Amino acid sequence: MAHKDYKEAVALAYGQRPTPVVSAKGQADLAHSIIAEAQRHGVYVAQDPALLALLSRLEIDQEIPPELYTAVAVVLSWAYWLKGMSPGDEKRG
């Protein structure tokens, strides 16, 4: 997730994990790199400053806390819809 200027970015990994975790985060040039890498791999990039502020407090490899489940689920459901996937498809790979 990043602001349009990519001043800050937080990447989440889900896939085979039971709960999404922070897989990368950074500011300035590192944020640009995170976004560019995500786009290269066709990963959905959400722009949600409020969620970004909360996720940026987490450490790399830290699971998202239960209080963020709903907000992250909204972003994930949008990403699934954009890719024509259903929840759980990523776990069948």
C-alpha atoms as a PDB file:
ATOM      1  CA  MET A   1       0.000   0.000   0.000  1.00  0.00           C
ATOM      2  CA  ALA A   2       1.353   3.350  -0.849  1.00  0.00           C
ATOM      3  CA  HIS A   3       0.477   6.958  -1.283  1.00  0.00           C
ATOM      4  CA  LYS A   4       0.470   8.139  -4.894  1.00  0.00           C
ATOM      5  CA  ASP A   5       3.926   9.739  -4.426  1.00  0.00           C
ATOM      6  CA  TYR A   6       5.195   6.500  -2.903  1.00  0.00           C
ATOM      7  CA  LYS A   7       6.698   8.261   0.104  1.00  0.00           C
ATOM      8  CA  GLU A   8       6.006   5.133   2.108  1.00  0.00           C
ATOM      9  CA  ALA A   9       5.025   1.562   1.239  1.00  0.00           C
ATOM     10  CA  VAL A  10       4.110  -1.611   3.110  1.00  0.00           C
ATOM     11  CA  ALA A  11       3.863  -4.974   1.372  1.00  0.00           C
ATOM     12  CA  LEU A  12       1.829  -7.869   2.705  1.00  0.00           C
ATOM     13  CA  ALA A  13       2.363 -11.559   2.019  1.00  0.00           C
ATOM     14  CA  TYR A  14      -0.518 -13.994   2.382  1.00  0.00           C
ATOM     15  CA  GLY A  15      -0.468 -16.982   0.040  1.00  0.00           C
ATOM     16  CA  GLN A  16       0.060 -20.141   2.084  1.00  0.00           C
ATOM     17  CA  ARG A  17       0.093 -18.300   5.420  1.00  0.00           C
ATOM     18  CA  PRO A  18      -2.895 -18.398   7.772  1.00  0.00           C
ATOM     19  CA  THR A  19      -2.660 -14.630   8.362  1.00  0.00           C
ATOM     20  CA  PRO A  20      -1.111 -11.891   6.198  1.00  0.00           C
ATOM     21  CA  VAL A  21       2.305 -10.676   7.338  1.00  0.00           C
ATOM     22  CA  VAL A  22       4.329  -7.586   6.542  1.00  0.00           C
ATOM     23  CA  SER A  23       6.814  -8.732   3.913  1.00  0.00           C
ATOM     24  CA  ALA A  24       8.467  -5.389   3.136  1.00  0.00           C
ATOM     25  CA  LYS A  25       8.226  -1.775   4.137  1.00  0.00           C
ATOM     26  CA  GLY A  26      10.128   1.396   3.502  1.00  0.00           C
ATOM     27  CA  GLN A  27      10.146   5.074   2.716  1.00  0.00           C
ATOM     28  CA  ALA A  28      11.359   7.248  -0.172  1.00  0.00           C
ATOM     29  CA  ASP A  29      13.523   5.264  -2.631  1.00  0.00           C
ATOM     30  CA  LEU A  30      12.800   1.951  -0.905  1.00  0.00           C
ATOM     31  CA  ALA A  31       9.048   2.645  -1.190  1.00  0.00           C
ATOM     32  CA  HIS A  32       9.501   3.270  -4.925  1.00  0.00           C
ATOM     33  CA  SER A  33      11.391  -0.031  -5.234  1.00  0.00           C
ATOM     34  CA  ILE A  34       8.708  -1.959  -3.340  1.00  0.00           C
ATOM     35  CA  ILE A  35       5.962  -0.532  -5.561  1.00  0.00           C
ATOM     36  CA  ALA A  36       7.947  -1.112  -8.764  1.00  0.00           C
ATOM     37  CA  GLU A  37       8.637  -4.735  -7.809  1.00  0.00           C
ATOM     38  CA  ALA A  38       4.986  -5.321  -6.948  1.00  0.00           C
ATOM     39  CA  GLN A  39       3.862  -3.856 -10.266  1.00  0.00           C
ATOM     40  CA  ARG A  40       6.423  -5.964 -12.162  1.00  0.00           C
ATOM     41  CA  HIS A  41       4.842  -9.079 -10.649  1.00  0.00           C
ATOM     42  CA  GLY A  42       1.257  -7.966 -11.205  1.00  0.00           C
ATOM     43  CA  VAL A  43       0.610  -7.458  -7.500  1.00  0.00           C
ATOM     44  CA  TYR A  44      -2.310  -5.173  -6.668  1.00  0.00           C
ATOM     45  CA  VAL A  45      -1.178  -1.854  -5.145  1.00  0.00           C
ATOM     46  CA  ALA A  46      -3.748  -0.177  -2.898  1.00  0.00           C
ATOM     47  CA  GLN A  47      -3.565   3.460  -1.902  1.00  0.00           C
ATOM     48  CA  ASP A  48      -5.021   3.669   1.594  1.00  0.00           C
ATOM     49  CA  PRO A  49      -3.185   6.223   3.771  1.00  0.00           C
ATOM     50  CA  ALA A  50      -5.046   5.244   6.961  1.00  0.00           C
ATOM     51  CA  LEU A  51      -4.264   1.539   6.559  1.00  0.00           C
ATOM     52  CA  LEU A  52      -0.696   2.366   5.541  1.00  0.00           C
ATOM     53  CA  ALA A  53      -0.221   4.338   8.773  1.00  0.00           C
ATOM     54  CA  LEU A  54      -1.374   1.343  10.832  1.00  0.00           C
ATOM     55  CA  LEU A  55       0.576  -1.285   8.874  1.00  0.00           C
ATOM     56  CA  SER A  56       3.780   0.759   8.918  1.00  0.00           C
ATOM     57  CA  ARG A  57       3.906   0.330  12.706  1.00  0.00           C
ATOM     58  CA  LEU A  58       4.380  -3.425  12.261  1.00  0.00           C
ATOM     59  CA  GLU A  59       7.734  -5.143  11.844  1.00  0.00           C
ATOM     60  CA  ILE A  60       8.845  -7.244   8.866  1.00  0.00           C
ATOM     61  CA  ASP A  61       7.472 -10.827   9.161  1.00  0.00           C
ATOM     62  CA  GLN A  62       4.943  -9.698  11.803  1.00  0.00           C
ATOM     63  CA  GLU A  63       1.389 -10.971  11.326  1.00  0.00           C
ATOM     64  CA  ILE A  64      -1.275  -8.342  11.037  1.00  0.00           C
ATOM     65  CA  PRO A  65      -3.140  -7.968  14.338  1.00  0.00           C
ATOM     66  CA  PRO A  66      -6.804  -8.993  14.622  1.00  0.00           C
ATOM     67  CA  GLU A  67      -7.944  -5.365  14.739  1.00  0.00           C
ATOM     68  CA  LEU A  68      -6.690  -4.936  11.145  1.00  0.00           C
ATOM     69  CA  TYR A  69      -8.305  -8.110   9.749  1.00  0.00           C
ATOM     70  CA  THR A  70     -11.367  -6.308   8.397  1.00  0.00           C
ATOM     71  CA  ALA A  71      -9.415  -3.486   6.739  1.00  0.00           C
ATOM     72  CA  VAL A  72      -6.950  -5.900   5.134  1.00  0.00           C
ATOM     73  CA  ALA A  73      -9.784  -8.239   4.095  1.00  0.00           C
ATOM     74  CA  VAL A  74     -11.404  -5.368   2.181  1.00  0.00           C
ATOM     75  CA  VAL A  75      -8.153  -4.735   0.278  1.00  0.00           C
ATOM     76  CA  LEU A  76      -7.641  -8.460  -0.360  1.00  0.00           C
ATOM     77  CA  SER A  77     -11.204  -8.926  -1.606  1.00  0.00           C
ATOM     78  CA  TRP A  78     -10.690  -6.064  -4.065  1.00  0.00           C
ATOM     79  CA  ALA A  79      -7.414  -7.634  -5.237  1.00  0.00           C
ATOM     80  CA  TYR A  80      -9.114 -11.033  -5.680  1.00  0.00           C
ATOM     81  CA  TRP A  81     -11.904  -9.420  -7.682  1.00  0.00           C
ATOM     82  CA  LEU A  82      -9.439  -7.584  -9.941  1.00  0.00           C
ATOM     83  CA  LYS A  83      -7.575 -10.820 -10.676  1.00  0.00           C
ATOM     84  CA  GLY A  84     -10.736 -12.887 -11.145  1.00  0.00           C
ATOM     85  CA  MET A  85      -9.799 -15.081  -8.187  1.00  0.00           C
ATOM     86  CA  SER A  86     -11.752 -16.456  -5.256  1.00  0.00           C
ATOM     87  CA  PRO A  87     -10.439 -16.520  -1.690  1.00  0.00           C
ATOM     88  CA  GLY A  88      -8.411 -19.673  -1.206  1.00  0.00           C
ATOM     89  CA  ASP A  89      -7.240 -19.895  -4.838  1.00  0.00           C
ATOM     90  CA  GLU A  90      -3.730 -18.843  -3.771  1.00  0.00           C
ATOM     91  CA  LYS A  91      -3.568 -21.758  -1.316  1.00  0.00           C
ATOM     92  CA  ARG A  92      -4.290 -24.336  -4.015  1.00  0.00           C
ATOM     93  CA  GLY A  93      -1.039 -23.603  -5.893  1.00  0.00           C
END
